[in-house]
N, C-alpha and C. Protein backbone atom coordinates (compact mmCIF):
# COMPACT_ATOMS: atom_id res chain seq x y z
N MET A 1 12.75 -16.12 3.46
CA MET A 1 11.51 -16.11 2.82
C MET A 1 10.94 -14.71 2.65
N ALA A 2 11.35 -13.79 3.47
CA ALA A 2 10.85 -12.44 3.39
C ALA A 2 11.09 -11.75 2.03
N PRO A 3 12.27 -11.88 1.39
CA PRO A 3 12.43 -11.29 0.06
C PRO A 3 11.46 -11.89 -0.95
N LEU A 4 11.21 -13.16 -0.89
CA LEU A 4 10.32 -13.79 -1.84
C LEU A 4 8.89 -13.29 -1.64
N LEU A 5 8.44 -13.15 -0.42
CA LEU A 5 7.11 -12.61 -0.14
C LEU A 5 7.05 -11.17 -0.58
N LYS A 6 8.10 -10.38 -0.44
CA LYS A 6 8.08 -9.04 -0.88
C LYS A 6 7.86 -8.96 -2.42
N VAL A 7 8.47 -9.88 -3.15
CA VAL A 7 8.31 -9.95 -4.59
C VAL A 7 6.81 -10.21 -4.91
N LEU A 8 6.25 -11.17 -4.20
CA LEU A 8 4.82 -11.56 -4.48
C LEU A 8 3.86 -10.49 -4.07
N ALA A 9 4.24 -9.60 -3.11
CA ALA A 9 3.34 -8.61 -2.61
C ALA A 9 3.00 -7.49 -3.55
N ASP A 10 3.83 -7.22 -4.52
CA ASP A 10 3.51 -6.17 -5.47
C ASP A 10 2.30 -6.47 -6.31
N PRO A 11 1.33 -5.62 -6.36
CA PRO A 11 0.06 -5.95 -7.10
C PRO A 11 0.29 -6.18 -8.63
N VAL A 12 1.41 -5.62 -9.18
CA VAL A 12 1.58 -5.86 -10.64
C VAL A 12 2.08 -7.23 -10.89
N ARG A 13 2.68 -7.85 -9.94
CA ARG A 13 3.29 -9.19 -10.14
C ARG A 13 2.28 -10.30 -9.91
N LEU A 14 1.21 -10.23 -10.67
CA LEU A 14 0.15 -11.26 -10.53
C LEU A 14 0.45 -12.49 -11.38
N LEU A 15 0.97 -13.49 -10.66
CA LEU A 15 1.35 -14.69 -11.31
C LEU A 15 0.10 -15.38 -11.96
N SER A 16 -1.04 -15.15 -11.42
CA SER A 16 -2.24 -15.79 -11.91
C SER A 16 -2.55 -15.38 -13.36
N LEU A 17 -2.17 -14.16 -13.77
CA LEU A 17 -2.38 -13.72 -15.11
C LEU A 17 -1.56 -14.63 -16.09
N VAL A 18 -0.35 -14.88 -15.72
CA VAL A 18 0.50 -15.73 -16.53
C VAL A 18 -0.03 -17.19 -16.52
N ALA A 19 -0.24 -17.69 -15.33
CA ALA A 19 -0.71 -19.06 -15.20
C ALA A 19 -2.05 -19.34 -15.90
N SER A 20 -2.91 -18.38 -15.90
CA SER A 20 -4.26 -18.61 -16.50
C SER A 20 -4.30 -18.29 -17.97
N HIS A 21 -3.19 -17.79 -18.53
CA HIS A 21 -3.20 -17.51 -19.95
C HIS A 21 -3.14 -18.78 -20.75
N GLU A 22 -3.62 -18.74 -21.95
CA GLU A 22 -3.66 -19.93 -22.80
C GLU A 22 -2.29 -20.59 -22.90
N GLY A 23 -2.26 -21.90 -22.58
CA GLY A 23 -1.01 -22.62 -22.63
C GLY A 23 -0.18 -22.44 -21.43
N GLY A 24 -0.63 -21.64 -20.45
CA GLY A 24 0.08 -21.43 -19.19
C GLY A 24 1.30 -20.53 -19.36
N GLU A 25 1.44 -19.82 -20.46
CA GLU A 25 2.50 -18.87 -20.61
C GLU A 25 1.98 -17.61 -21.30
N ALA A 26 2.66 -16.51 -21.03
CA ALA A 26 2.27 -15.28 -21.58
C ALA A 26 3.42 -14.39 -21.92
N CYS A 27 3.19 -13.53 -22.90
CA CYS A 27 4.20 -12.59 -23.36
C CYS A 27 3.78 -11.24 -22.71
N ILE A 28 4.78 -10.33 -22.65
CA ILE A 28 4.48 -9.02 -22.04
C ILE A 28 3.33 -8.33 -22.79
N CYS A 29 3.23 -8.53 -24.09
CA CYS A 29 2.16 -7.92 -24.84
C CYS A 29 0.79 -8.45 -24.43
N ASP A 30 0.79 -9.74 -23.95
CA ASP A 30 -0.49 -10.31 -23.37
C ASP A 30 -0.88 -9.69 -22.02
N LEU A 31 0.14 -9.23 -21.28
CA LEU A 31 -0.12 -8.73 -19.94
C LEU A 31 -0.37 -7.23 -19.93
N ASN A 32 0.04 -6.52 -20.95
CA ASN A 32 -0.17 -5.10 -21.01
C ASN A 32 -1.63 -4.64 -20.88
N GLU A 33 -2.52 -5.45 -21.38
CA GLU A 33 -3.97 -5.12 -21.34
C GLU A 33 -4.51 -5.08 -19.96
N ALA A 34 -3.91 -5.79 -19.00
CA ALA A 34 -4.42 -5.90 -17.63
C ALA A 34 -4.02 -4.71 -16.78
N PHE A 35 -3.02 -3.90 -17.20
CA PHE A 35 -2.50 -2.81 -16.42
C PHE A 35 -2.41 -1.56 -17.26
N GLU A 36 -2.46 -0.45 -16.60
CA GLU A 36 -2.20 0.86 -17.22
C GLU A 36 -0.74 1.25 -17.00
N LEU A 37 0.11 0.36 -17.41
CA LEU A 37 1.60 0.54 -17.31
C LEU A 37 2.27 0.37 -18.63
N SER A 38 3.46 0.88 -18.76
CA SER A 38 4.18 0.73 -20.02
C SER A 38 4.76 -0.68 -20.10
N GLN A 39 5.13 -1.06 -21.30
CA GLN A 39 5.72 -2.39 -21.51
C GLN A 39 7.02 -2.52 -20.73
N PRO A 40 7.89 -1.51 -20.71
CA PRO A 40 9.12 -1.66 -19.93
C PRO A 40 8.86 -1.86 -18.40
N THR A 41 7.84 -1.24 -17.90
CA THR A 41 7.49 -1.40 -16.50
C THR A 41 7.06 -2.83 -16.20
N ILE A 42 6.21 -3.38 -17.06
CA ILE A 42 5.76 -4.78 -16.85
C ILE A 42 6.92 -5.70 -17.04
N SER A 43 7.80 -5.43 -18.04
CA SER A 43 9.00 -6.27 -18.24
C SER A 43 9.87 -6.29 -16.95
N HIS A 44 9.99 -5.12 -16.34
CA HIS A 44 10.77 -5.06 -15.12
C HIS A 44 10.16 -5.99 -14.03
N HIS A 45 8.87 -5.92 -13.86
CA HIS A 45 8.19 -6.78 -12.88
C HIS A 45 8.40 -8.26 -13.14
N MET A 46 8.33 -8.60 -14.43
CA MET A 46 8.51 -10.00 -14.82
C MET A 46 9.98 -10.39 -14.58
N LYS A 47 10.94 -9.51 -14.80
CA LYS A 47 12.31 -9.80 -14.52
C LYS A 47 12.53 -10.07 -13.05
N VAL A 48 11.91 -9.31 -12.21
CA VAL A 48 12.00 -9.53 -10.76
C VAL A 48 11.43 -10.88 -10.38
N LEU A 49 10.31 -11.27 -10.97
CA LEU A 49 9.75 -12.61 -10.71
C LEU A 49 10.69 -13.70 -11.21
N HIS A 50 11.29 -13.47 -12.33
CA HIS A 50 12.20 -14.48 -12.91
C HIS A 50 13.47 -14.61 -11.98
N GLU A 51 14.01 -13.49 -11.54
CA GLU A 51 15.18 -13.52 -10.67
C GLU A 51 14.87 -14.16 -9.30
N ALA A 52 13.59 -14.05 -8.90
CA ALA A 52 13.17 -14.71 -7.63
C ALA A 52 12.92 -16.18 -7.84
N GLY A 53 12.94 -16.65 -9.10
CA GLY A 53 12.76 -18.08 -9.33
C GLY A 53 11.28 -18.49 -9.41
N LEU A 54 10.40 -17.50 -9.58
CA LEU A 54 8.98 -17.83 -9.63
C LEU A 54 8.40 -18.01 -11.04
N VAL A 55 9.15 -17.53 -12.04
CA VAL A 55 8.75 -17.76 -13.43
C VAL A 55 9.95 -18.17 -14.28
N ASP A 56 9.71 -18.96 -15.28
CA ASP A 56 10.72 -19.26 -16.27
C ASP A 56 10.43 -18.42 -17.50
N ARG A 57 11.38 -18.23 -18.38
CA ARG A 57 11.17 -17.41 -19.55
C ARG A 57 11.90 -18.08 -20.72
N ASP A 58 11.32 -17.92 -21.92
CA ASP A 58 11.92 -18.37 -23.12
C ASP A 58 11.78 -17.26 -24.16
N LYS A 59 12.88 -17.00 -24.88
CA LYS A 59 12.84 -15.99 -25.91
C LYS A 59 12.52 -16.62 -27.23
N CYS A 60 11.60 -16.01 -28.00
CA CYS A 60 11.26 -16.49 -29.29
C CYS A 60 11.26 -15.25 -30.22
N GLY A 61 12.32 -15.05 -30.92
CA GLY A 61 12.49 -13.84 -31.69
C GLY A 61 12.65 -12.64 -30.82
N VAL A 62 11.84 -11.65 -30.96
CA VAL A 62 11.92 -10.44 -30.13
C VAL A 62 11.01 -10.59 -28.89
N TRP A 63 10.24 -11.63 -28.80
CA TRP A 63 9.31 -11.80 -27.71
C TRP A 63 9.86 -12.71 -26.61
N VAL A 64 9.53 -12.44 -25.41
CA VAL A 64 9.88 -13.28 -24.28
C VAL A 64 8.55 -13.79 -23.69
N TYR A 65 8.54 -15.10 -23.53
CA TYR A 65 7.34 -15.79 -22.99
C TYR A 65 7.65 -16.25 -21.58
N TYR A 66 6.74 -16.01 -20.67
CA TYR A 66 6.87 -16.34 -19.24
C TYR A 66 5.89 -17.43 -18.86
N ARG A 67 6.33 -18.31 -17.96
CA ARG A 67 5.41 -19.27 -17.37
C ARG A 67 5.79 -19.47 -15.90
N VAL A 68 4.77 -19.69 -15.08
CA VAL A 68 4.91 -19.87 -13.69
C VAL A 68 5.67 -21.13 -13.36
N ARG A 69 6.62 -21.05 -12.46
CA ARG A 69 7.31 -22.26 -11.96
C ARG A 69 6.49 -22.79 -10.81
N ARG A 70 5.57 -23.68 -11.13
CA ARG A 70 4.65 -24.21 -10.11
C ARG A 70 5.33 -24.89 -8.94
N GLN A 71 6.47 -25.54 -9.21
CA GLN A 71 7.20 -26.19 -8.15
C GLN A 71 7.77 -25.20 -7.16
N ALA A 72 8.07 -24.00 -7.63
CA ALA A 72 8.59 -22.91 -6.72
C ALA A 72 7.42 -22.46 -5.84
N LEU A 73 6.27 -22.31 -6.43
CA LEU A 73 5.10 -21.88 -5.63
C LEU A 73 4.72 -23.01 -4.61
N ALA A 74 4.79 -24.25 -5.08
CA ALA A 74 4.50 -25.35 -4.12
C ALA A 74 5.48 -25.35 -2.99
N GLY A 75 6.78 -25.13 -3.24
CA GLY A 75 7.77 -25.06 -2.23
C GLY A 75 7.51 -23.94 -1.21
N LEU A 76 7.10 -22.79 -1.77
CA LEU A 76 6.76 -21.63 -0.94
C LEU A 76 5.54 -21.95 -0.08
N ALA A 77 4.53 -22.54 -0.66
CA ALA A 77 3.35 -22.94 0.14
C ALA A 77 3.70 -23.93 1.22
N ALA A 78 4.57 -24.88 0.92
CA ALA A 78 4.94 -25.91 1.86
C ALA A 78 5.77 -25.21 3.04
N SER A 79 6.62 -24.29 2.69
CA SER A 79 7.40 -23.57 3.72
C SER A 79 6.48 -22.71 4.59
N TRP A 80 5.50 -22.10 3.96
CA TRP A 80 4.57 -21.24 4.70
C TRP A 80 3.73 -22.09 5.68
N GLY A 81 3.35 -23.23 5.20
CA GLY A 81 2.54 -24.13 6.06
C GLY A 81 3.29 -24.78 7.19
N SER A 82 4.63 -24.81 7.08
CA SER A 82 5.41 -25.46 8.09
C SER A 82 5.87 -24.44 9.19
N GLY A 83 5.59 -23.20 9.03
CA GLY A 83 5.98 -22.19 10.03
C GLY A 83 5.12 -22.21 11.22
N PRO A 84 5.42 -21.39 12.21
CA PRO A 84 4.64 -21.41 13.48
C PRO A 84 3.13 -21.23 13.25
N ALA A 85 2.75 -20.37 12.30
CA ALA A 85 1.36 -20.11 12.10
C ALA A 85 0.70 -21.34 11.45
N GLY A 86 1.43 -22.17 10.76
CA GLY A 86 0.86 -23.34 10.08
C GLY A 86 0.72 -24.52 10.95
N ARG A 87 1.13 -24.45 12.17
CA ARG A 87 1.11 -25.62 13.11
C ARG A 87 -0.15 -25.58 13.93
């Protein structure tokens, strides 16, 4: 679980921005406005989230749209709650 928590700990990897975007999905161009970072940097962070299984992505032309995998977050929350601190 530690690697997954490390992925979530980075302040750029705010899943709430994707989840709260219209339709529950967002393109990198939609996320650029929230950060003073380049598009490639934000793309890298989204790639890390995708590789961790926390977001799904679909390519539409040159754009890639991301959406939060809510079942992955629910599983993480359930695991967190079942640990020693959650008892």
